[in-house]
């Protein structure tokens, strides 16, 4: 799927304000560790709904190999987005601005103030999310995938089959 198609789909999905079903929330609570669950609950309802769909796709592909660290990676790969405090429309602006100028790293943006700083934090969601997960005591695989999910495949440290399933399930 092209990046534009992925982003358009995510945008349209984010307009639906409801989160995952109660059954899905209960399933997530059974998968995540307490610190991870606390981070999960900080995510927006549309982000949680998207993450559940990603985790279910990973589980369908990997079956028994989709243990708790892999499912946590699917559920929490975007958790760093909570740091920016941006809502849907401002995320769109941040994504466009980042793609047009500084790329995904966002370091140049992070030194700004106000919205500019929020853009920088949003563009750095992968590394910030990995840091949050490490502090929460997540498995190294979960932390690594949060950090690496936007990197080229030759830079992944997560086992190739798992990383490919996670990437494909995210449609990113």
N, C-alpha and C. Protein backbone atom coordinates (compact mmCIF):
# COMPACT_ATOMS: atom_id res chain seq x y z
N UNK A 1 0.85 -1.17 0.00
CA UNK A 1 0.00 0.00 0.00
C UNK A 1 0.90 1.24 0.00
N UNK A 2 0.54 2.23 -0.78
CA UNK A 2 1.35 3.44 -0.82
C UNK A 2 1.20 4.23 0.47
N UNK A 3 2.19 5.05 0.75
CA UNK A 3 2.15 5.86 1.97
C UNK A 3 0.92 6.76 1.97
N UNK A 4 0.60 7.39 0.84
CA UNK A 4 -0.56 8.26 0.76
C UNK A 4 -1.85 7.50 1.04
N UNK A 5 -1.98 6.32 0.48
CA UNK A 5 -3.18 5.51 0.72
C UNK A 5 -3.27 5.13 2.19
N UNK A 6 -2.13 4.74 2.78
CA UNK A 6 -2.11 4.38 4.21
C UNK A 6 -2.54 5.57 5.05
N UNK A 7 -1.94 6.73 4.79
CA UNK A 7 -2.25 7.92 5.60
C UNK A 7 -3.70 8.36 5.41
N UNK A 8 -4.21 8.25 4.20
CA UNK A 8 -5.60 8.60 3.95
C UNK A 8 -6.53 7.66 4.72
N UNK A 9 -6.23 6.38 4.68
CA UNK A 9 -7.04 5.42 5.44
C UNK A 9 -6.99 5.67 6.93
N UNK A 10 -5.81 5.95 7.45
CA UNK A 10 -5.67 6.25 8.89
C UNK A 10 -6.44 7.51 9.25
N UNK A 11 -6.38 8.54 8.38
CA UNK A 11 -7.10 9.78 8.65
C UNK A 11 -8.60 9.53 8.70
N UNK A 12 -9.11 8.83 7.70
CA UNK A 12 -10.56 8.56 7.68
C UNK A 12 -10.96 7.74 8.91
N UNK A 13 -10.16 6.74 9.25
CA UNK A 13 -10.44 5.95 10.43
C UNK A 13 -10.38 6.75 11.71
N UNK A 14 -9.52 7.77 11.76
CA UNK A 14 -9.38 8.57 12.98
C UNK A 14 -10.57 9.50 13.19
N UNK A 15 -11.36 9.71 12.17
CA UNK A 15 -12.53 10.56 12.32
C UNK A 15 -13.65 9.88 13.09
N UNK A 16 -13.62 8.55 13.14
CA UNK A 16 -14.60 7.79 13.90
C UNK A 16 -14.13 7.82 15.36
N UNK A 17 -14.87 8.47 16.25
CA UNK A 17 -14.36 8.74 17.60
C UNK A 17 -14.33 7.56 18.56
N UNK A 18 -14.98 6.47 18.20
CA UNK A 18 -15.06 5.36 19.15
C UNK A 18 -13.77 4.56 19.19
N UNK A 19 -13.50 4.00 20.34
CA UNK A 19 -12.34 3.13 20.51
C UNK A 19 -12.70 1.69 20.23
N UNK A 20 -11.84 0.78 20.65
CA UNK A 20 -12.11 -0.64 20.46
C UNK A 20 -13.32 -1.08 21.30
N UNK A 21 -13.86 -2.21 20.94
CA UNK A 21 -14.99 -2.76 21.69
C UNK A 21 -14.55 -3.13 23.10
N UNK A 22 -15.51 -3.35 23.97
CA UNK A 22 -15.18 -3.79 25.33
C UNK A 22 -14.46 -5.13 25.31
N UNK A 23 -14.88 -6.00 24.42
CA UNK A 23 -14.21 -7.30 24.31
C UNK A 23 -12.75 -7.12 23.88
N UNK A 24 -12.52 -6.22 22.95
CA UNK A 24 -11.14 -5.97 22.50
C UNK A 24 -10.31 -5.35 23.63
N UNK A 25 -10.89 -4.42 24.37
CA UNK A 25 -10.19 -3.80 25.49
C UNK A 25 -9.83 -4.86 26.55
N UNK A 26 -10.74 -5.78 26.78
CA UNK A 26 -10.49 -6.86 27.74
C UNK A 26 -9.36 -7.76 27.24
N UNK A 27 -9.38 -8.07 25.95
CA UNK A 27 -8.31 -8.89 25.36
C UNK A 27 -6.96 -8.20 25.52
N UNK A 28 -6.92 -6.90 25.25
CA UNK A 28 -5.68 -6.13 25.39
C UNK A 28 -5.18 -6.18 26.83
N UNK A 29 -6.09 -6.03 27.78
CA UNK A 29 -5.71 -6.07 29.20
C UNK A 29 -5.09 -7.41 29.58
N UNK A 30 -5.47 -8.47 28.88
CA UNK A 30 -4.89 -9.78 29.13
C UNK A 30 -3.55 -10.00 28.45
N UNK A 31 -3.21 -9.15 27.50
CA UNK A 31 -1.96 -9.29 26.74
C UNK A 31 -0.85 -8.42 27.34
N UNK A 32 -1.19 -7.18 27.69
CA UNK A 32 -0.18 -6.21 28.10
C UNK A 32 0.18 -6.32 29.58
N UNK A 33 1.41 -5.96 29.88
CA UNK A 33 1.86 -5.85 31.26
C UNK A 33 1.24 -4.57 31.85
N UNK A 34 1.19 -4.44 33.18
CA UNK A 34 0.55 -3.26 33.79
C UNK A 34 1.09 -1.92 33.28
N UNK A 35 2.41 -1.77 33.19
CA UNK A 35 2.98 -0.52 32.69
C UNK A 35 2.61 -0.24 31.25
N UNK A 36 2.57 -1.30 30.45
CA UNK A 36 2.17 -1.16 29.05
C UNK A 36 0.69 -0.78 28.95
N UNK A 37 -0.12 -1.39 29.78
CA UNK A 37 -1.55 -1.09 29.77
C UNK A 37 -1.80 0.37 30.12
N UNK A 38 -1.03 0.90 31.06
CA UNK A 38 -1.15 2.31 31.42
C UNK A 38 -0.82 3.20 30.21
N UNK A 39 0.21 2.83 29.45
CA UNK A 39 0.54 3.57 28.24
C UNK A 39 -0.57 3.43 27.20
N UNK A 40 -1.07 2.22 27.02
CA UNK A 40 -2.15 1.95 26.08
C UNK A 40 -3.34 2.87 26.34
N UNK A 41 -3.66 3.03 27.60
CA UNK A 41 -4.83 3.85 27.97
C UNK A 41 -4.61 5.34 27.69
N UNK A 42 -3.39 5.76 27.50
CA UNK A 42 -3.09 7.15 27.14
C UNK A 42 -3.31 7.41 25.66
N UNK A 43 -3.33 6.34 24.86
CA UNK A 43 -3.50 6.49 23.42
C UNK A 43 -4.94 6.91 23.11
N UNK A 44 -5.11 7.61 21.99
CA UNK A 44 -6.46 8.02 21.58
C UNK A 44 -7.30 6.80 21.24
N UNK A 45 -8.60 6.95 21.30
CA UNK A 45 -9.50 5.83 20.96
C UNK A 45 -9.27 5.34 19.54
N UNK A 46 -9.18 6.23 18.52
CA UNK A 46 -8.89 5.71 17.17
C UNK A 46 -7.54 5.00 17.08
N UNK A 47 -6.53 5.50 17.79
CA UNK A 47 -5.22 4.82 17.76
C UNK A 47 -5.32 3.45 18.41
N UNK A 48 -6.07 3.33 19.49
CA UNK A 48 -6.24 2.02 20.14
C UNK A 48 -7.00 1.08 19.22
N UNK A 49 -8.01 1.58 18.54
CA UNK A 49 -8.78 0.75 17.60
C UNK A 49 -7.88 0.25 16.48
N UNK A 50 -7.06 1.14 15.91
CA UNK A 50 -6.12 0.75 14.86
C UNK A 50 -5.14 -0.29 15.39
N UNK A 51 -4.62 -0.08 16.58
CA UNK A 51 -3.63 -1.00 17.14
C UNK A 51 -4.20 -2.39 17.38
N UNK A 52 -5.45 -2.48 17.81
CA UNK A 52 -6.09 -3.78 17.99
C UNK A 52 -6.19 -4.49 16.64
N UNK A 53 -6.55 -3.76 15.61
CA UNK A 53 -6.64 -4.37 14.28
C UNK A 53 -5.27 -4.88 13.82
N UNK A 54 -4.22 -4.09 14.08
CA UNK A 54 -2.87 -4.51 13.72
C UNK A 54 -2.51 -5.79 14.48
N UNK A 55 -2.78 -5.80 15.78
CA UNK A 55 -2.44 -6.97 16.61
C UNK A 55 -3.20 -8.22 16.15
N UNK A 56 -4.46 -8.07 15.80
CA UNK A 56 -5.21 -9.24 15.33
C UNK A 56 -4.68 -9.76 13.99
N UNK A 57 -4.25 -8.85 13.11
CA UNK A 57 -3.67 -9.29 11.84
C UNK A 57 -2.35 -10.02 12.08
N UNK A 58 -1.54 -9.51 13.01
CA UNK A 58 -0.28 -10.17 13.35
C UNK A 58 -0.55 -11.54 13.93
N UNK A 59 -1.51 -11.63 14.82
CA UNK A 59 -1.86 -12.90 15.45
C UNK A 59 -2.33 -13.91 14.41
N UNK A 60 -3.08 -13.46 13.42
CA UNK A 60 -3.57 -14.36 12.38
C UNK A 60 -2.43 -14.91 11.52
N UNK A 61 -1.42 -14.08 11.28
CA UNK A 61 -0.29 -14.50 10.45
C UNK A 61 0.69 -15.37 11.22
N UNK A 62 1.02 -14.95 12.44
CA UNK A 62 2.08 -15.63 13.18
C UNK A 62 1.59 -16.75 14.09
N UNK A 63 0.30 -16.79 14.37
CA UNK A 63 -0.30 -17.83 15.22
C UNK A 63 0.47 -17.97 16.53
N UNK A 64 1.02 -19.14 16.81
CA UNK A 64 1.69 -19.41 18.08
C UNK A 64 2.94 -18.55 18.29
N UNK A 65 3.51 -18.02 17.21
CA UNK A 65 4.69 -17.16 17.34
C UNK A 65 4.34 -15.73 17.75
N UNK A 66 3.06 -15.44 17.85
CA UNK A 66 2.61 -14.11 18.25
C UNK A 66 2.40 -14.09 19.76
N UNK A 67 3.48 -14.21 20.51
CA UNK A 67 3.42 -14.16 21.96
C UNK A 67 3.20 -12.75 22.47
N UNK A 68 3.10 -12.59 23.77
CA UNK A 68 2.84 -11.27 24.36
C UNK A 68 3.79 -10.16 23.90
N UNK A 69 5.10 -10.38 23.81
CA UNK A 69 5.95 -9.27 23.35
C UNK A 69 5.63 -8.82 21.91
N UNK A 70 5.31 -9.78 21.05
CA UNK A 70 4.97 -9.45 19.66
C UNK A 70 3.63 -8.72 19.61
N UNK A 71 2.65 -9.21 20.34
CA UNK A 71 1.35 -8.54 20.36
C UNK A 71 1.46 -7.16 20.99
N UNK A 72 2.28 -7.04 22.03
CA UNK A 72 2.50 -5.72 22.63
C UNK A 72 3.16 -4.78 21.62
N UNK A 73 4.07 -5.29 20.82
CA UNK A 73 4.70 -4.47 19.77
C UNK A 73 3.65 -3.98 18.78
N UNK A 74 2.73 -4.85 18.41
CA UNK A 74 1.65 -4.45 17.50
C UNK A 74 0.74 -3.41 18.13
N UNK A 75 0.42 -3.63 19.40
CA UNK A 75 -0.51 -2.73 20.09
C UNK A 75 0.10 -1.38 20.44
N UNK A 76 1.41 -1.34 20.65
CA UNK A 76 2.03 -0.13 21.20
C UNK A 76 3.09 0.51 20.30
N UNK A 77 3.18 0.08 19.04
CA UNK A 77 4.23 0.63 18.17
C UNK A 77 4.11 2.14 17.99
N UNK A 78 2.93 2.70 18.11
CA UNK A 78 2.72 4.14 17.93
C UNK A 78 2.49 4.89 19.24
N UNK A 79 2.78 4.27 20.38
CA UNK A 79 2.48 4.90 21.67
C UNK A 79 3.19 6.23 21.86
N UNK A 80 4.32 6.43 21.21
CA UNK A 80 5.04 7.69 21.34
C UNK A 80 4.28 8.90 20.84
N UNK A 81 3.23 8.69 20.06
CA UNK A 81 2.43 9.81 19.57
C UNK A 81 1.73 10.55 20.71
N UNK A 82 1.55 9.89 21.85
CA UNK A 82 0.88 10.55 22.97
C UNK A 82 1.71 11.72 23.50
N UNK A 83 3.00 11.69 23.32
CA UNK A 83 3.88 12.73 23.85
C UNK A 83 3.59 14.09 23.21
N UNK A 84 3.22 14.08 21.94
CA UNK A 84 3.02 15.34 21.22
C UNK A 84 1.77 16.09 21.65
N UNK A 85 0.76 15.37 22.08
CA UNK A 85 -0.49 16.02 22.46
C UNK A 85 -1.31 16.53 21.28
N UNK A 86 -0.99 16.07 20.08
CA UNK A 86 -1.70 16.54 18.89
C UNK A 86 -2.95 15.71 18.63
N UNK A 87 -4.02 16.37 18.20
CA UNK A 87 -5.22 15.69 17.75
C UNK A 87 -5.11 15.37 16.26
N UNK A 88 -6.16 14.84 15.72
CA UNK A 88 -6.16 14.34 14.34
C UNK A 88 -5.73 15.38 13.32
N UNK A 89 -6.37 16.53 13.32
CA UNK A 89 -6.09 17.52 12.28
C UNK A 89 -4.66 18.06 12.39
N UNK A 90 -4.18 18.26 13.59
CA UNK A 90 -2.82 18.76 13.76
C UNK A 90 -1.79 17.67 13.44
N UNK A 91 -2.17 16.41 13.62
CA UNK A 91 -1.27 15.32 13.21
C UNK A 91 -1.10 15.32 11.70
N UNK A 92 -2.19 15.58 10.99
CA UNK A 92 -2.11 15.66 9.53
C UNK A 92 -1.11 16.74 9.13
N UNK A 93 -1.24 17.91 9.74
CA UNK A 93 -0.32 19.01 9.45
C UNK A 93 1.11 18.62 9.80
N UNK A 94 1.30 17.96 10.92
CA UNK A 94 2.64 17.54 11.35
C UNK A 94 3.24 16.55 10.36
N UNK A 95 2.45 15.62 9.89
CA UNK A 95 2.94 14.62 8.94
C UNK A 95 3.34 15.28 7.63
N UNK A 96 2.49 16.17 7.13
CA UNK A 96 2.80 16.86 5.88
C UNK A 96 4.04 17.73 6.05
N UNK A 97 4.11 18.47 7.15
CA UNK A 97 5.28 19.32 7.40
C UNK A 97 6.55 18.50 7.52
N UNK A 98 6.48 17.41 8.23
CA UNK A 98 7.65 16.56 8.40
C UNK A 98 8.10 15.95 7.09
N UNK A 99 7.15 15.48 6.30
CA UNK A 99 7.51 14.89 5.01
C UNK A 99 8.10 15.93 4.06
N UNK A 100 7.60 17.16 4.15
CA UNK A 100 8.05 18.20 3.24
C UNK A 100 9.39 18.81 3.64
N UNK A 101 9.76 18.66 4.89
CA UNK A 101 10.98 19.36 5.34
C UNK A 101 11.98 18.44 6.02
N UNK A 102 11.72 18.10 7.26
CA UNK A 102 12.74 17.44 8.09
C UNK A 102 12.68 15.93 8.05
N UNK A 103 11.74 15.34 7.38
CA UNK A 103 11.60 13.89 7.42
C UNK A 103 11.04 13.44 8.75
N UNK A 104 11.14 12.15 9.03
CA UNK A 104 10.52 11.59 10.22
C UNK A 104 11.28 11.86 11.52
N UNK A 105 12.53 12.22 11.46
CA UNK A 105 13.29 12.35 12.71
C UNK A 105 12.84 13.51 13.56
N UNK A 106 12.46 14.62 12.99
CA UNK A 106 11.87 15.71 13.73
C UNK A 106 12.79 16.46 14.67
N UNK A 107 14.08 16.17 14.64
CA UNK A 107 14.99 16.82 15.59
C UNK A 107 14.99 18.34 15.43
N UNK A 108 15.00 18.81 14.20
CA UNK A 108 15.01 20.26 13.98
C UNK A 108 13.75 20.91 14.54
N UNK A 109 12.64 20.21 14.45
CA UNK A 109 11.38 20.75 14.95
C UNK A 109 11.33 20.76 16.47
N UNK A 110 11.94 19.80 17.10
CA UNK A 110 11.83 19.64 18.55
C UNK A 110 12.40 20.80 19.34
N UNK A 111 13.26 21.58 18.74
CA UNK A 111 13.85 22.72 19.44
C UNK A 111 12.96 23.95 19.42
N UNK A 112 11.83 23.86 18.74
CA UNK A 112 10.93 25.00 18.66
C UNK A 112 10.04 25.12 19.90
N UNK A 113 9.04 25.93 19.75
CA UNK A 113 8.07 26.14 20.84
C UNK A 113 6.67 25.89 20.31
N UNK A 114 5.75 25.65 21.23
CA UNK A 114 4.36 25.51 20.86
C UNK A 114 4.13 24.40 19.84
N UNK A 115 3.38 24.74 18.78
CA UNK A 115 3.03 23.76 17.76
C UNK A 115 4.27 23.20 17.07
N UNK A 116 5.27 24.04 16.85
CA UNK A 116 6.49 23.56 16.21
C UNK A 116 7.13 22.45 17.03
N UNK A 117 7.18 22.63 18.34
CA UNK A 117 7.73 21.59 19.22
C UNK A 117 6.86 20.33 19.18
N UNK A 118 5.55 20.52 19.18
CA UNK A 118 4.64 19.37 19.12
C UNK A 118 4.87 18.57 17.83
N UNK A 119 5.10 19.28 16.74
CA UNK A 119 5.39 18.60 15.47
C UNK A 119 6.65 17.75 15.63
N UNK A 120 7.68 18.34 16.21
CA UNK A 120 8.92 17.60 16.42
C UNK A 120 8.72 16.36 17.27
N UNK A 121 7.95 16.49 18.33
CA UNK A 121 7.68 15.34 19.19
C UNK A 121 6.90 14.27 18.44
N UNK A 122 5.93 14.71 17.66
CA UNK A 122 5.14 13.76 16.87
C UNK A 122 6.01 13.02 15.86
N UNK A 123 6.89 13.74 15.19
CA UNK A 123 7.75 13.12 14.18
C UNK A 123 8.77 12.18 14.82
N UNK A 124 9.02 12.33 16.10
CA UNK A 124 9.96 11.47 16.81
C UNK A 124 9.22 10.40 17.62
N UNK A 125 7.97 10.13 17.28
CA UNK A 125 7.17 9.21 18.09
C UNK A 125 7.77 7.82 18.23
N UNK A 126 8.52 7.38 17.23
CA UNK A 126 9.10 6.04 17.30
C UNK A 126 10.12 5.94 18.44
N UNK A 127 11.05 6.87 18.48
CA UNK A 127 12.06 6.81 19.55
C UNK A 127 11.47 7.16 20.90
N UNK A 128 10.55 8.10 20.94
CA UNK A 128 9.92 8.46 22.21
C UNK A 128 9.07 7.30 22.75
N UNK A 129 8.37 6.63 21.87
CA UNK A 129 7.58 5.47 22.28
C UNK A 129 8.45 4.35 22.81
N UNK A 130 9.58 4.12 22.14
CA UNK A 130 10.51 3.08 22.61
C UNK A 130 11.01 3.42 24.01
N UNK A 131 11.30 4.68 24.24
CA UNK A 131 11.75 5.10 25.57
C UNK A 131 10.66 4.88 26.62
N UNK A 132 9.43 5.23 26.28
CA UNK A 132 8.31 5.01 27.21
C UNK A 132 8.15 3.52 27.53
N UNK A 133 8.25 2.70 26.51
CA UNK A 133 8.11 1.25 26.71
C UNK A 133 9.25 0.68 27.54
N UNK A 134 10.45 1.16 27.31
CA UNK A 134 11.59 0.69 28.11
C UNK A 134 11.37 1.05 29.57
N UNK A 135 10.91 2.27 29.82
CA UNK A 135 10.64 2.69 31.20
C UNK A 135 9.50 1.88 31.83
N UNK A 136 8.58 1.42 31.01
CA UNK A 136 7.46 0.62 31.50
C UNK A 136 7.84 -0.84 31.73
N UNK A 137 9.06 -1.22 31.37
CA UNK A 137 9.52 -2.59 31.57
C UNK A 137 9.13 -3.55 30.47
N UNK A 138 8.85 -3.04 29.28
CA UNK A 138 8.47 -3.89 28.16
C UNK A 138 9.62 -4.79 27.73
N UNK A 139 9.27 -5.88 27.08
CA UNK A 139 10.24 -6.81 26.50
C UNK A 139 11.10 -6.06 25.48
N UNK A 140 12.38 -6.41 25.35
CA UNK A 140 13.24 -5.76 24.36
C UNK A 140 12.69 -5.80 22.94
N UNK A 141 12.00 -6.86 22.55
CA UNK A 141 11.42 -6.92 21.21
C UNK A 141 10.37 -5.83 21.03
N UNK A 142 9.52 -5.64 22.02
CA UNK A 142 8.48 -4.62 21.96
C UNK A 142 9.11 -3.24 21.83
N UNK A 143 10.13 -2.98 22.63
CA UNK A 143 10.83 -1.70 22.60
C UNK A 143 11.49 -1.50 21.24
N UNK A 144 12.17 -2.53 20.75
CA UNK A 144 12.87 -2.42 19.47
C UNK A 144 11.90 -2.12 18.34
N UNK A 145 10.74 -2.79 18.31
CA UNK A 145 9.82 -2.55 17.20
C UNK A 145 9.25 -1.13 17.25
N UNK A 146 8.95 -0.63 18.43
CA UNK A 146 8.48 0.76 18.52
C UNK A 146 9.53 1.70 17.92
N UNK A 147 10.80 1.46 18.22
CA UNK A 147 11.88 2.31 17.73
C UNK A 147 12.10 2.13 16.22
N UNK A 148 11.91 0.93 15.71
CA UNK A 148 12.32 0.59 14.34
C UNK A 148 11.20 0.56 13.31
N UNK A 149 9.95 0.74 13.70
CA UNK A 149 8.86 0.45 12.77
C UNK A 149 8.79 1.37 11.56
N UNK A 150 9.50 2.47 11.55
CA UNK A 150 9.55 3.33 10.35
C UNK A 150 10.90 3.25 9.64
N UNK A 151 11.79 2.41 10.13
CA UNK A 151 13.11 2.27 9.51
C UNK A 151 13.05 1.29 8.33
N UNK A 152 14.00 1.38 7.43
CA UNK A 152 14.09 0.38 6.35
C UNK A 152 14.36 -1.01 6.94
N UNK A 153 13.93 -2.04 6.26
CA UNK A 153 14.04 -3.41 6.75
C UNK A 153 15.47 -3.80 7.07
N UNK A 154 16.44 -3.26 6.36
CA UNK A 154 17.82 -3.64 6.63
C UNK A 154 18.35 -3.06 7.95
N UNK A 155 17.55 -2.23 8.61
CA UNK A 155 17.94 -1.67 9.90
C UNK A 155 17.16 -2.29 11.08
N UNK A 156 16.29 -3.24 10.80
CA UNK A 156 15.52 -3.88 11.87
C UNK A 156 16.40 -4.85 12.65
N UNK A 157 16.21 -4.87 13.96
CA UNK A 157 16.87 -5.87 14.80
C UNK A 157 15.89 -6.94 15.26
N UNK A 158 14.62 -6.70 15.07
CA UNK A 158 13.57 -7.67 15.40
C UNK A 158 13.69 -8.82 14.39
N UNK A 159 13.48 -10.07 14.82
CA UNK A 159 13.56 -11.19 13.88
C UNK A 159 12.75 -10.91 12.60
N UNK A 160 13.33 -11.22 11.48
CA UNK A 160 12.77 -10.83 10.18
C UNK A 160 11.30 -11.23 9.99
N UNK A 161 10.95 -12.47 10.29
CA UNK A 161 9.57 -12.90 10.09
C UNK A 161 8.58 -12.13 10.95
N UNK A 162 8.97 -11.86 12.18
CA UNK A 162 8.12 -11.09 13.08
C UNK A 162 8.01 -9.65 12.58
N UNK A 163 9.14 -9.04 12.24
CA UNK A 163 9.13 -7.66 11.77
C UNK A 163 8.30 -7.51 10.50
N UNK A 164 8.44 -8.47 9.58
CA UNK A 164 7.67 -8.40 8.33
C UNK A 164 6.17 -8.51 8.61
N UNK A 165 5.79 -9.38 9.53
CA UNK A 165 4.37 -9.52 9.89
C UNK A 165 3.85 -8.25 10.55
N UNK A 166 4.65 -7.65 11.43
CA UNK A 166 4.24 -6.41 12.09
C UNK A 166 4.10 -5.28 11.07
N UNK A 167 5.05 -5.16 10.20
CA UNK A 167 5.02 -4.09 9.19
C UNK A 167 3.83 -4.26 8.25
N UNK A 168 3.62 -5.48 7.77
CA UNK A 168 2.50 -5.74 6.86
C UNK A 168 1.16 -5.50 7.55
N UNK A 169 1.06 -5.88 8.80
CA UNK A 169 -0.20 -5.70 9.53
C UNK A 169 -0.53 -4.23 9.75
N UNK A 170 0.49 -3.40 9.83
CA UNK A 170 0.29 -1.96 10.04
C UNK A 170 -0.06 -1.25 8.74
N UNK A 171 0.17 -1.89 7.61
CA UNK A 171 -0.08 -1.28 6.29
C UNK A 171 0.66 0.04 6.13
N UNK A 172 1.79 0.18 6.77
CA UNK A 172 2.51 1.46 6.74
C UNK A 172 3.66 1.41 5.76
